[in-house]
Amino acid sequence: MRVVAAAVLIAQAASGWRDGLLSEAGALHALAIPTSILLIAGLWTPIAGVAVAALELAKVLARLGDLWTSVLLATLGAALALLGPGVWSVDARLFGWKRINIQHRKS
């Protein structure tokens, strides 16, 4: 999920740069590239997920690009912020992968 969201962000930024930049769009595309790199690496995933959601909501409010792609990426960013990086990430290597075991209550 991290890699797919990052790939779409990078593709959007490349498309925006190829088509020519507006001032707001250029700044949003410039912020999307480092955020995508963090997502691909799985480094600071909750922070990067919130950044993706904020960038895409800014695109929706500024009416830049495709509305539904931005809504989908904002949703993916929020989901990544809540779910975390997963097993194959730099975060898991640095901080360990957390697993929650729910104990059955004895009656």
PDB file of N, CA and C in Angstrom:
ATOM      1  N   MET A   1       0.822  -1.174   0.000  1.00  0.00           N
ATOM      2  CA  MET A   1       0.000   0.000   0.000  1.00  0.00           C
ATOM      3  C   MET A   1       0.882   1.260   0.000  1.00  0.00           C
ATOM      4  N   ARG A   2       1.996   1.198   0.755  1.00  0.00           N
ATOM      5  CA  ARG A   2       2.904   2.345   0.781  1.00  0.00           C
ATOM      6  C   ARG A   2       3.491   2.605  -0.594  1.00  0.00           C
ATOM      7  N   VAL A   3       3.919   1.547  -1.255  1.00  0.00           N
ATOM      8  CA  VAL A   3       4.599   1.690  -2.549  1.00  0.00           C
ATOM      9  C   VAL A   3       3.629   2.183  -3.618  1.00  0.00           C
ATOM     10  N   VAL A   4       2.403   1.692  -3.588  1.00  0.00           N
ATOM     11  CA  VAL A   4       1.413   2.121  -4.584  1.00  0.00           C
ATOM     12  C   VAL A   4       1.090   3.599  -4.415  1.00  0.00           C
ATOM     13  N   ALA A   5       0.854   4.027  -3.180  1.00  0.00           N
ATOM     14  CA  ALA A   5       0.561   5.444  -2.943  1.00  0.00           C
ATOM     15  C   ALA A   5       1.736   6.323  -3.366  1.00  0.00           C
ATOM     16  N   ALA A   6       2.954   5.892  -3.044  1.00  0.00           N
ATOM     17  CA  ALA A   6       4.136   6.669  -3.420  1.00  0.00           C
ATOM     18  C   ALA A   6       4.320   6.715  -4.932  1.00  0.00           C
ATOM     19  N   ALA A   7       4.062   5.613  -5.601  1.00  0.00           N
ATOM     20  CA  ALA A   7       4.203   5.588  -7.061  1.00  0.00           C
ATOM     21  C   ALA A   7       3.225   6.543  -7.731  1.00  0.00           C
ATOM     22  N   VAL A   8       2.006   6.595  -7.239  1.00  0.00           N
ATOM     23  CA  VAL A   8       1.021   7.519  -7.815  1.00  0.00           C
ATOM     24  C   VAL A   8       1.417   8.966  -7.543  1.00  0.00           C
ATOM     25  N   LEU A   9       1.921   9.242  -6.349  1.00  0.00           N
ATOM     26  CA  LEU A   9       2.376  10.603  -6.044  1.00  0.00           C
ATOM     27  C   LEU A   9       3.523  11.035  -6.953  1.00  0.00           C
ATOM     28  N   ILE A  10       4.476  10.131  -7.174  1.00  0.00           N
ATOM     29  CA  ILE A  10       5.606  10.449  -8.053  1.00  0.00           C
ATOM     30  C   ILE A  10       5.134  10.636  -9.495  1.00  0.00           C
ATOM     31  N   ALA A  11       4.208   9.802  -9.944  1.00  0.00           N
ATOM     32  CA  ALA A  11       3.674   9.944 -11.301  1.00  0.00           C
ATOM     33  C   ALA A  11       2.936  11.264 -11.466  1.00  0.00           C
ATOM     34  N   GLN A  12       2.171  11.664 -10.465  1.00  0.00           N
ATOM     35  CA  GLN A  12       1.468  12.950 -10.526  1.00  0.00           C
ATOM     36  C   GLN A  12       2.457  14.115 -10.571  1.00  0.00           C
ATOM     37  N   ALA A  13       3.500  14.040  -9.760  1.00  0.00           N
ATOM     38  CA  ALA A  13       4.497  15.115  -9.752  1.00  0.00           C
ATOM     39  C   ALA A  13       5.218  15.203 -11.096  1.00  0.00           C
ATOM     40  N   ALA A  14       5.577  14.058 -11.651  1.00  0.00           N
ATOM     41  CA  ALA A  14       6.250  14.054 -12.958  1.00  0.00           C
ATOM     42  C   ALA A  14       5.326  14.598 -14.034  1.00  0.00           C
ATOM     43  N   SER A  15       4.060  14.235 -13.987  1.00  0.00           N
ATOM     44  CA  SER A  15       3.089  14.741 -14.957  1.00  0.00           C
ATOM     45  C   SER A  15       2.904  16.250 -14.808  1.00  0.00           C
ATOM     46  N   GLY A  16       2.861  16.728 -13.573  1.00  0.00           N
ATOM     47  CA  GLY A  16       2.716  18.170 -13.348  1.00  0.00           C
ATOM     48  C   GLY A  16       3.904  18.949 -13.842  1.00  0.00           C
ATOM     49  N   TRP A  17       5.104  18.411 -13.637  1.00  0.00           N
ATOM     50  CA  TRP A  17       6.304  19.090 -14.105  1.00  0.00           C
ATOM     51  C   TRP A  17       6.405  19.065 -15.624  1.00  0.00           C
ATOM     52  N   ARG A  18       5.932  17.992 -16.235  1.00  0.00           N
ATOM     53  CA  ARG A  18       5.987  17.878 -17.690  1.00  0.00           C
ATOM     54  C   ARG A  18       5.006  18.846 -18.342  1.00  0.00           C
ATOM     55  N   ASP A  19       3.834  19.056 -17.705  1.00  0.00           N
ATOM     56  CA  ASP A  19       2.810  19.926 -18.271  1.00  0.00           C
ATOM     57  C   ASP A  19       3.066  21.401 -17.987  1.00  0.00           C
ATOM     58  N   GLY A  20       4.022  21.700 -17.149  1.00  0.00           N
ATOM     59  CA  GLY A  20       4.273  23.079 -16.741  1.00  0.00           C
ATOM     60  C   GLY A  20       3.661  23.301 -15.369  1.00  0.00           C
ATOM     61  N   LEU A  21       4.293  24.147 -14.584  1.00  0.00           N
ATOM     62  CA  LEU A  21       3.886  24.306 -13.195  1.00  0.00           C
ATOM     63  C   LEU A  21       3.131  25.597 -12.959  1.00  0.00           C
ATOM     64  N   LEU A  22       2.093  25.485 -12.173  1.00  0.00           N
ATOM     65  CA  LEU A  22       1.475  26.656 -11.576  1.00  0.00           C
ATOM     66  C   LEU A  22       2.147  26.847 -10.220  1.00  0.00           C
ATOM     67  N   SER A  23       1.985  27.979  -9.607  1.00  0.00           N
ATOM     68  CA  SER A  23       2.692  28.229  -8.352  1.00  0.00           C
ATOM     69  C   SER A  23       2.258  27.281  -7.237  1.00  0.00           C
ATOM     70  N   GLU A  24       0.932  27.087  -7.037  1.00  0.00           N
ATOM     71  CA  GLU A  24       0.475  26.190  -5.979  1.00  0.00           C
ATOM     72  C   GLU A  24       0.788  24.742  -6.318  1.00  0.00           C
ATOM     73  N   ALA A  25       0.559  24.364  -7.554  1.00  0.00           N
ATOM     74  CA  ALA A  25       0.787  22.982  -7.966  1.00  0.00           C
ATOM     75  C   ALA A  25       2.265  22.626  -7.878  1.00  0.00           C
ATOM     76  N   GLY A  26       3.120  23.546  -8.226  1.00  0.00           N
ATOM     77  CA  GLY A  26       4.558  23.288  -8.165  1.00  0.00           C
ATOM     78  C   GLY A  26       5.031  23.033  -6.747  1.00  0.00           C
ATOM     79  N   ALA A  27       4.520  23.814  -5.811  1.00  0.00           N
ATOM     80  CA  ALA A  27       4.895  23.618  -4.410  1.00  0.00           C
ATOM     81  C   ALA A  27       4.376  22.287  -3.889  1.00  0.00           C
ATOM     82  N   LEU A  28       3.158  21.927  -4.248  1.00  0.00           N
ATOM     83  CA  LEU A  28       2.596  20.653  -3.793  1.00  0.00           C
ATOM     84  C   LEU A  28       3.340  19.466  -4.400  1.00  0.00           C
ATOM     85  N   HIS A  29       3.717  19.584  -5.667  1.00  0.00           N
ATOM     86  CA  HIS A  29       4.489  18.503  -6.300  1.00  0.00           C
ATOM     87  C   HIS A  29       5.882  18.405  -5.688  1.00  0.00           C
ATOM     88  N   ALA A  30       6.475  19.544  -5.351  1.00  0.00           N
ATOM     89  CA  ALA A  30       7.801  19.515  -4.735  1.00  0.00           C
ATOM     90  C   ALA A  30       7.765  18.877  -3.351  1.00  0.00           C
ATOM     91  N   LEU A  31       6.670  19.034  -2.627  1.00  0.00           N
ATOM     92  CA  LEU A  31       6.535  18.387  -1.324  1.00  0.00           C
ATOM     93  C   LEU A  31       6.167  16.915  -1.437  1.00  0.00           C
ATOM     94  N   ALA A  32       5.564  16.540  -2.553  1.00  0.00           N
ATOM     95  CA  ALA A  32       5.131  15.147  -2.729  1.00  0.00           C
ATOM     96  C   ALA A  32       6.313  14.201  -2.944  1.00  0.00           C
ATOM     97  N   ILE A  33       7.380  14.672  -3.563  1.00  0.00           N
ATOM     98  CA  ILE A  33       8.522  13.790  -3.855  1.00  0.00           C
ATOM     99  C   ILE A  33       9.214  13.294  -2.583  1.00  0.00           C
ATOM    100  N   PRO A  34       9.606  14.160  -1.640  1.00  0.00           N
ATOM    101  CA  PRO A  34      10.237  13.623  -0.429  1.00  0.00           C
ATOM    102  C   PRO A  34       9.283  12.767   0.408  1.00  0.00           C
ATOM    103  N   THR A  35       8.013  13.124   0.399  1.00  0.00           N
ATOM    104  CA  THR A  35       7.028  12.315   1.109  1.00  0.00           C
ATOM    105  C   THR A  35       6.932  10.931   0.494  1.00  0.00           C
ATOM    106  N   SER A  36       6.994  10.856  -0.824  1.00  0.00           N
ATOM    107  CA  SER A  36       6.960   9.559  -1.517  1.00  0.00           C
ATOM    108  C   SER A  36       8.180   8.719  -1.184  1.00  0.00           C
ATOM    109  N   ILE A  37       9.324   9.358  -1.095  1.00  0.00           N
ATOM    110  CA  ILE A  37      10.547   8.625  -0.749  1.00  0.00           C
ATOM    111  C   ILE A  37      10.444   8.045   0.653  1.00  0.00           C
ATOM    112  N   LEU A  38       9.897   8.829   1.589  1.00  0.00           N
ATOM    113  CA  LEU A  38       9.699   8.317   2.943  1.00  0.00           C
ATOM    114  C   LEU A  38       8.728   7.136   2.959  1.00  0.00           C
ATOM    115  N   LEU A  39       7.686   7.206   2.153  1.00  0.00           N
ATOM    116  CA  LEU A  39       6.727   6.104   2.101  1.00  0.00           C
ATOM    117  C   LEU A  39       7.341   4.848   1.508  1.00  0.00           C
ATOM    118  N   ILE A  40       8.104   4.991   0.445  1.00  0.00           N
ATOM    119  CA  ILE A  40       8.722   3.822  -0.178  1.00  0.00           C
ATOM    120  C   ILE A  40       9.675   3.141   0.792  1.00  0.00           C
ATOM    121  N   ALA A  41      10.456   3.940   1.515  1.00  0.00           N
ATOM    122  CA  ALA A  41      11.412   3.369   2.470  1.00  0.00           C
ATOM    123  C   ALA A  41      10.726   2.839   3.720  1.00  0.00           C
ATOM    124  N   GLY A  42       9.534   3.353   4.004  1.00  0.00           N
ATOM    125  CA  GLY A  42       8.870   2.968   5.237  1.00  0.00           C
ATOM    126  C   GLY A  42       9.475   3.667   6.433  1.00  0.00           C
ATOM    127  N   LEU A  43       9.941   4.877   6.217  1.00  0.00           N
ATOM    128  CA  LEU A  43      10.568   5.662   7.280  1.00  0.00           C
ATOM    129  C   LEU A  43       9.608   6.775   7.691  1.00  0.00           C
ATOM    130  N   TRP A  44       9.349   6.884   8.983  1.00  0.00           N
ATOM    131  CA  TRP A  44       8.404   7.859   9.525  1.00  0.00           C
ATOM    132  C   TRP A  44       7.046   7.748   8.833  1.00  0.00           C
ATOM    133  N   THR A  45       6.566   6.543   8.692  1.00  0.00           N
ATOM    134  CA  THR A  45       5.345   6.281   7.931  1.00  0.00           C
ATOM    135  C   THR A  45       4.127   7.032   8.464  1.00  0.00           C
ATOM    136  N   PRO A  46       3.882   7.075   9.782  1.00  0.00           N
ATOM    137  CA  PRO A  46       2.717   7.846  10.240  1.00  0.00           C
ATOM    138  C   PRO A  46       2.796   9.328   9.866  1.00  0.00           C
ATOM    139  N   ILE A  47       3.985   9.895   9.963  1.00  0.00           N
ATOM    140  CA  ILE A  47       4.155  11.309   9.610  1.00  0.00           C
ATOM    141  C   ILE A  47       3.993  11.497   8.098  1.00  0.00           C
ATOM    142  N   ALA A  48       4.569  10.599   7.322  1.00  0.00           N
ATOM    143  CA  ALA A  48       4.442  10.686   5.863  1.00  0.00           C
ATOM    144  C   ALA A  48       2.997  10.476   5.428  1.00  0.00           C
ATOM    145  N   GLY A  49       2.274   9.586   6.093  1.00  0.00           N
ATOM    146  CA  GLY A  49       0.867   9.367   5.763  1.00  0.00           C
ATOM    147  C   GLY A  49       0.019  10.598   6.017  1.00  0.00           C
ATOM    148  N   VAL A  50       0.272  11.266   7.120  1.00  0.00           N
ATOM    149  CA  VAL A  50      -0.451  12.511   7.423  1.00  0.00           C
ATOM    150  C   VAL A  50      -0.081  13.584   6.401  1.00  0.00           C
ATOM    151  N   ALA A  51       1.189  13.620   6.003  1.00  0.00           N
ATOM    152  CA  ALA A  51       1.625  14.601   4.998  1.00  0.00           C
ATOM    153  C   ALA A  51       0.945  14.346   3.652  1.00  0.00           C
ATOM    154  N   VAL A  52       0.827  13.075   3.264  1.00  0.00           N
ATOM    155  CA  VAL A  52       0.133  12.741   2.009  1.00  0.00           C
ATOM    156  C   VAL A  52      -1.321  13.180   2.080  1.00  0.00           C
ATOM    157  N   ALA A  53      -1.979  12.874   3.187  1.00  0.00           N
ATOM    158  CA  ALA A  53      -3.382  13.267   3.337  1.00  0.00           C
ATOM    159  C   ALA A  53      -3.534  14.785   3.266  1.00  0.00           C
ATOM    160  N   ALA A  54      -2.636  15.517   3.927  1.00  0.00           N
ATOM    161  CA  ALA A  54      -2.708  16.978   3.908  1.00  0.00           C
ATOM    162  C   ALA A  54      -2.432  17.544   2.520  1.00  0.00           C
ATOM    163  N   LEU A  55      -1.429  17.001   1.830  1.00  0.00           N
ATOM    164  CA  LEU A  55      -1.127  17.470   0.469  1.00  0.00           C
ATOM    165  C   LEU A  55      -2.299  17.246  -0.474  1.00  0.00           C
ATOM    166  N   GLU A  56      -2.886  16.068  -0.375  1.00  0.00           N
ATOM    167  CA  GLU A  56      -3.983  15.763  -1.292  1.00  0.00           C
ATOM    168  C   GLU A  56      -5.243  16.557  -0.958  1.00  0.00           C
ATOM    169  N   LEU A  57      -5.491  16.804   0.313  1.00  0.00           N
ATOM    170  CA  LEU A  57      -6.630  17.656   0.665  1.00  0.00           C
ATOM    171  C   LEU A  57      -6.398  19.092   0.216  1.00  0.00           C
ATOM    172  N   ALA A  58      -5.143  19.542   0.251  1.00  0.00           N
ATOM    173  CA  ALA A  58      -4.828  20.874  -0.272  1.00  0.00           C
ATOM    174  C   ALA A  58      -5.095  20.934  -1.780  1.00  0.00           C
ATOM    175  N   LYS A  59      -4.776  19.834  -2.489  1.00  0.00           N
ATOM    176  CA  LYS A  59      -5.069  19.793  -3.928  1.00  0.00           C
ATOM    177  C   LYS A  59      -6.567  19.842  -4.186  1.00  0.00           C
ATOM    178  N   VAL A  60      -7.338  19.148  -3.352  1.00  0.00           N
ATOM    179  CA  VAL A  60      -8.796  19.157  -3.515  1.00  0.00           C
ATOM    180  C   VAL A  60      -9.334  20.562  -3.281  1.00  0.00           C
ATOM    181  N   LEU A  61      -8.886  21.215  -2.216  1.00  0.00           N
ATOM    182  CA  LEU A  61      -9.374  22.555  -1.906  1.00  0.00           C
ATOM    183  C   LEU A  61      -8.943  23.585  -2.941  1.00  0.00           C
ATOM    184  N   ALA A  62      -7.753  23.402  -3.524  1.00  0.00           N
ATOM    185  CA  ALA A  62      -7.270  24.328  -4.555  1.00  0.00           C
ATOM    186  C   ALA A  62      -7.782  23.964  -5.948  1.00  0.00           C
ATOM    187  N   ARG A  63      -8.503  22.849  -6.021  1.00  0.00           N
ATOM    188  CA  ARG A  63      -9.052  22.350  -7.299  1.00  0.00           C
ATOM    189  C   ARG A  63      -7.956  22.113  -8.338  1.00  0.00           C
ATOM    190  N   LEU A  64      -6.899  21.433  -7.892  1.00  0.00           N
ATOM    191  CA  LEU A  64      -5.783  21.094  -8.778  1.00  0.00           C
ATOM    192  C   LEU A  64      -5.833  19.613  -9.093  1.00  0.00           C
ATOM    193  N   GLY A  65      -5.746  19.262 -10.351  1.00  0.00           N
ATOM    194  CA  GLY A  65      -5.698  17.857 -10.742  1.00  0.00           C
ATOM    195  C   GLY A  65      -7.051  17.180 -10.627  1.00  0.00           C
ATOM    196  N   ASP A  66      -7.009  15.851 -10.668  1.00  0.00           N
ATOM    197  CA  ASP A  66      -8.213  15.042 -10.619  1.00  0.00           C
ATOM    198  C   ASP A  66      -8.717  14.941  -9.181  1.00  0.00           C
ATOM    199  N   LEU A  67      -9.979  15.278  -8.972  1.00  0.00           N
ATOM    200  CA  LEU A  67     -10.563  15.296  -7.640  1.00  0.00           C
ATOM    201  C   LEU A  67     -10.553  13.915  -6.995  1.00  0.00           C
ATOM    202  N   TRP A  68     -10.994  12.901  -7.724  1.00  0.00           N
ATOM    203  CA  TRP A  68     -11.149  11.575  -7.126  1.00  0.00           C
ATOM    204  C   TRP A  68      -9.819  10.886  -6.867  1.00  0.00           C
ATOM    205  N   THR A  69      -8.816  11.167  -7.667  1.00  0.00           N
ATOM    206  CA  THR A  69      -7.488  10.624  -7.381  1.00  0.00           C
ATOM    207  C   THR A  69      -6.941  11.240  -6.097  1.00  0.00           C
ATOM    208  N   SER A  70      -7.166  12.521  -5.912  1.00  0.00           N
ATOM    209  CA  SER A  70      -6.713  13.185  -4.692  1.00  0.00           C
ATOM    210  C   SER A  70      -7.453  12.669  -3.465  1.00  0.00           C
ATOM    211  N   VAL A  71      -8.746  12.432  -3.598  1.00  0.00           N
ATOM    212  CA  VAL A  71      -9.525  11.882  -2.479  1.00  0.00           C
ATOM    213  C   VAL A  71      -9.021  10.483  -2.133  1.00  0.00           C
ATOM    214  N   LEU A  72      -8.762   9.669  -3.149  1.00  0.00           N
ATOM    215  CA  LEU A  72      -8.259   8.316  -2.910  1.00  0.00           C
ATOM    216  C   LEU A  72      -6.888   8.348  -2.240  1.00  0.00           C
ATOM    217  N   LEU A  73      -5.994   9.208  -2.697  1.00  0.00           N
ATOM    218  CA  LEU A  73      -4.665   9.303  -2.089  1.00  0.00           C
ATOM    219  C   LEU A  73      -4.724   9.870  -0.669  1.00  0.00           C
ATOM    220  N   ALA A  74      -5.630  10.796  -0.417  1.00  0.00           N
ATOM    221  CA  ALA A  74      -5.798  11.307   0.948  1.00  0.00           C
ATOM    222  C   ALA A  74      -6.281  10.198   1.877  1.00  0.00           C
ATOM    223  N   THR A  75      -7.181   9.368   1.390  1.00  0.00           N
ATOM    224  CA  THR A  75      -7.665   8.243   2.182  1.00  0.00           C
ATOM    225  C   THR A  75      -6.552   7.234   2.427  1.00  0.00           C
ATOM    226  N   LEU A  76      -5.761   6.941   1.401  1.00  0.00           N
ATOM    227  CA  LEU A  76      -4.623   6.036   1.576  1.00  0.00           C
ATOM    228  C   LEU A  76      -3.604   6.596   2.565  1.00  0.00           C
ATOM    229  N   GLY A  77      -3.351   7.886   2.495  1.00  0.00           N
ATOM    230  CA  GLY A  77      -2.421   8.511   3.431  1.00  0.00           C
ATOM    231  C   GLY A  77      -2.901   8.401   4.869  1.00  0.00           C
ATOM    232  N   ALA A  78      -4.194   8.648   5.087  1.00  0.00           N
ATOM    233  CA  ALA A  78      -4.745   8.521   6.440  1.00  0.00           C
ATOM    234  C   ALA A  78      -4.694   7.077   6.914  1.00  0.00           C
ATOM    235  N   ALA A  79      -4.977   6.134   6.025  1.00  0.00           N
ATOM    236  CA  ALA A  79      -4.914   4.710   6.398  1.00  0.00           C
ATOM    237  C   ALA A  79      -3.484   4.302   6.743  1.00  0.00           C
ATOM    238  N   LEU A  80      -2.522   4.774   5.980  1.00  0.00           N
ATOM    239  CA  LEU A  80      -1.121   4.460   6.279  1.00  0.00           C
ATOM    240  C   LEU A  80      -0.675   5.074   7.603  1.00  0.00           C
ATOM    241  N   ALA A  81      -1.169   6.259   7.900  1.00  0.00           N
ATOM    242  CA  ALA A  81      -0.825   6.880   9.181  1.00  0.00           C
ATOM    243  C   ALA A  81      -1.371   6.067  10.343  1.00  0.00           C
ATOM    244  N   LEU A  82      -2.539   5.494  10.168  1.00  0.00           N
ATOM    245  CA  LEU A  82      -3.146   4.711  11.245  1.00  0.00           C
ATOM    246  C   LEU A  82      -2.591   3.294  11.328  1.00  0.00           C
ATOM    247  N   LEU A  83      -2.297   2.688  10.186  1.00  0.00           N
ATOM    248  CA  LEU A  83      -1.822   1.301  10.179  1.00  0.00           C
ATOM    249  C   LEU A  83      -0.341   1.165  10.501  1.00  0.00           C
ATOM    250  N   GLY A  84       0.445   2.137  10.105  1.00  0.00           N
ATOM    251  CA  GLY A  84       1.882   2.046  10.312  1.00  0.00           C
ATOM    252  C   GLY A  84       2.582   1.437   9.114  1.00  0.00           C
ATOM    253  N   PRO A  85       3.885   1.229   9.213  1.00  0.00           N
ATOM    254  CA  PRO A  85       4.684   0.865   8.055  1.00  0.00           C
ATOM    255  C   PRO A  85       4.609  -0.592   7.633  1.00  0.00           C
ATOM    256  N   GLY A  86       4.356  -1.491   8.535  1.00  0.00           N
ATOM    257  CA  GLY A  86       4.381  -2.905   8.194  1.00  0.00           C
ATOM    258  C   GLY A  86       5.725  -3.539   8.485  1.00  0.00           C
ATOM    259  N   VAL A  87       5.838  -4.811   8.177  1.00  0.00           N
ATOM    260  CA  VAL A  87       7.027  -5.587   8.532  1.00  0.00           C
ATOM    261  C   VAL A  87       8.240  -5.182   7.699  1.00  0.00           C
ATOM    262  N   TRP A  88       8.062  -4.966   6.409  1.00  0.00           N
ATOM    263  CA  TRP A  88       9.191  -4.672   5.530  1.00  0.00           C
ATOM    264  C   TRP A  88       9.367  -3.165   5.396  1.00  0.00           C
ATOM    265  N   SER A  89       9.952  -2.566   6.392  1.00  0.00           N
ATOM    266  CA  SER A  89      10.160  -1.122   6.379  1.00  0.00           C
ATOM    267  C   SER A  89      11.346  -0.776   7.261  1.00  0.00           C
ATOM    268  N   VAL A  90      11.838   0.428   7.089  1.00  0.00           N
ATOM    269  CA  VAL A  90      12.930   0.914   7.925  1.00  0.00           C
ATOM    270  C   VAL A  90      12.426   1.112   9.355  1.00  0.00           C
ATOM    271  N   ASP A  91      11.203   1.585   9.510  1.00  0.00           N
ATOM    272  CA  ASP A  91      10.635   1.766  10.849  1.00  0.00           C
ATOM    273  C   ASP A  91      10.608   0.457  11.630  1.00  0.00           C
ATOM    274  N   ALA A  92      10.237  -0.633  10.965  1.00  0.00           N
ATOM    275  CA  ALA A  92      10.191  -1.930  11.650  1.00  0.00           C
ATOM    276  C   ALA A  92      11.589  -2.371  12.066  1.00  0.00           C
ATOM    277  N   ARG A  93      12.589  -2.074  11.260  1.00  0.00           N
ATOM    278  CA  ARG A  93      13.967  -2.432  11.602  1.00  0.00           C
ATOM    279  C   ARG A  93      14.497  -1.582  12.751  1.00  0.00           C
ATOM    280  N   LEU A  94      14.160  -0.298  12.743  1.00  0.00           N
ATOM    281  CA  LEU A  94      14.664   0.601  13.778  1.00  0.00           C
ATOM    282  C   LEU A  94      13.961   0.424  15.123  1.00  0.00           C
ATOM    283  N   PHE A  95      12.645   0.322  15.076  1.00  0.00           N
ATOM    284  CA  PHE A  95      11.866   0.348  16.310  1.00  0.00           C
ATOM    285  C   PHE A  95      11.210  -0.987  16.641  1.00  0.00           C
ATOM    286  N   GLY A  96      11.328  -1.958  15.760  1.00  0.00           N
ATOM    287  CA  GLY A  96      10.676  -3.244  15.986  1.00  0.00           C
ATOM    288  C   GLY A  96       9.236  -3.217  15.503  1.00  0.00           C
ATOM    289  N   TRP A  97       8.775  -4.384  15.136  1.00  0.00           N
ATOM    290  CA  TRP A  97       7.405  -4.487  14.647  1.00  0.00           C
ATOM    291  C   TRP A  97       6.515  -4.833  15.812  1.00  0.00           C
ATOM    292  N   LYS A  98       5.506  -4.046  16.044  1.00  0.00           N
ATOM    293  CA  LYS A  98       4.628  -4.238  17.187  1.00  0.00           C
ATOM    294  C   LYS A  98       3.454  -5.135  16.791  1.00  0.00           C
ATOM    295  N   ARG A  99       3.152  -6.058  17.697  1.00  0.00           N
ATOM    296  CA  ARG A  99       2.019  -6.943  17.468  1.00  0.00           C
ATOM    297  C   ARG A  99       1.178  -6.938  18.732  1.00  0.00           C
ATOM    298  N   ILE A 100      -0.106  -6.769  18.562  1.00  0.00           N
ATOM    299  CA  ILE A 100      -1.016  -6.715  19.696  1.00  0.00           C
ATOM    300  C   ILE A 100      -1.718  -8.058  19.808  1.00  0.00           C
ATOM    301  N   ASN A 101      -1.567  -8.709  20.954  1.00  0.00           N
ATOM    302  CA  ASN A 101      -2.266  -9.969  21.219  1.00  0.00           C
ATOM    303  C   ASN A 101      -3.425  -9.694  22.160  1.00  0.00           C
ATOM    304  N   ILE A 102      -4.605 -10.073  21.724  1.00  0.00           N
ATOM    305  CA  ILE A 102      -5.789  -9.878  22.547  1.00  0.00           C
ATOM    306  C   ILE A 102      -6.015 -11.148  23.351  1.00  0.00           C
ATOM    307  N   GLN A 103      -5.984 -11.007  24.664  1.00  0.00           N
ATOM    308  CA  GLN A 103      -6.163 -12.151  25.544  1.00  0.00           C
ATOM    309  C   GLN A 103      -7.655 -12.416  25.743  1.00  0.00           C
ATOM    310  N   HIS A 104      -7.991 -13.703  25.785  1.00  0.00           N
ATOM    311  CA  HIS A 104      -9.381 -14.078  26.067  1.00  0.00           C
ATOM    312  C   HIS A 104      -9.629 -13.950  27.555  1.00  0.00           C
ATOM    313  N   ARG A 105     -10.749 -13.372  27.891  1.00  0.00           N
ATOM    314  CA  ARG A 105     -11.086 -13.173  29.288  1.00  0.00           C
ATOM    315  C   ARG A 105     -11.679 -14.455  29.845  1.00  0.00           C
ATOM    316  N   LYS A 106     -11.224 -14.826  31.025  1.00  0.00           N
ATOM    317  CA  LYS A 106     -11.737 -16.044  31.656  1.00  0.00           C
ATOM    318  C   LYS A 106     -12.978 -15.683  32.451  1.00  0.00           C
ATOM    319  N   SER A 107     -14.031 -16.454  32.227  1.00  0.00           N
ATOM    320  CA  SER A 107     -15.284 -16.168  32.933  1.00  0.00           C
ATOM    321  C   SER A 107     -15.421 -17.017  34.181  1.00  0.00           C
TER     322      SER A 107
END
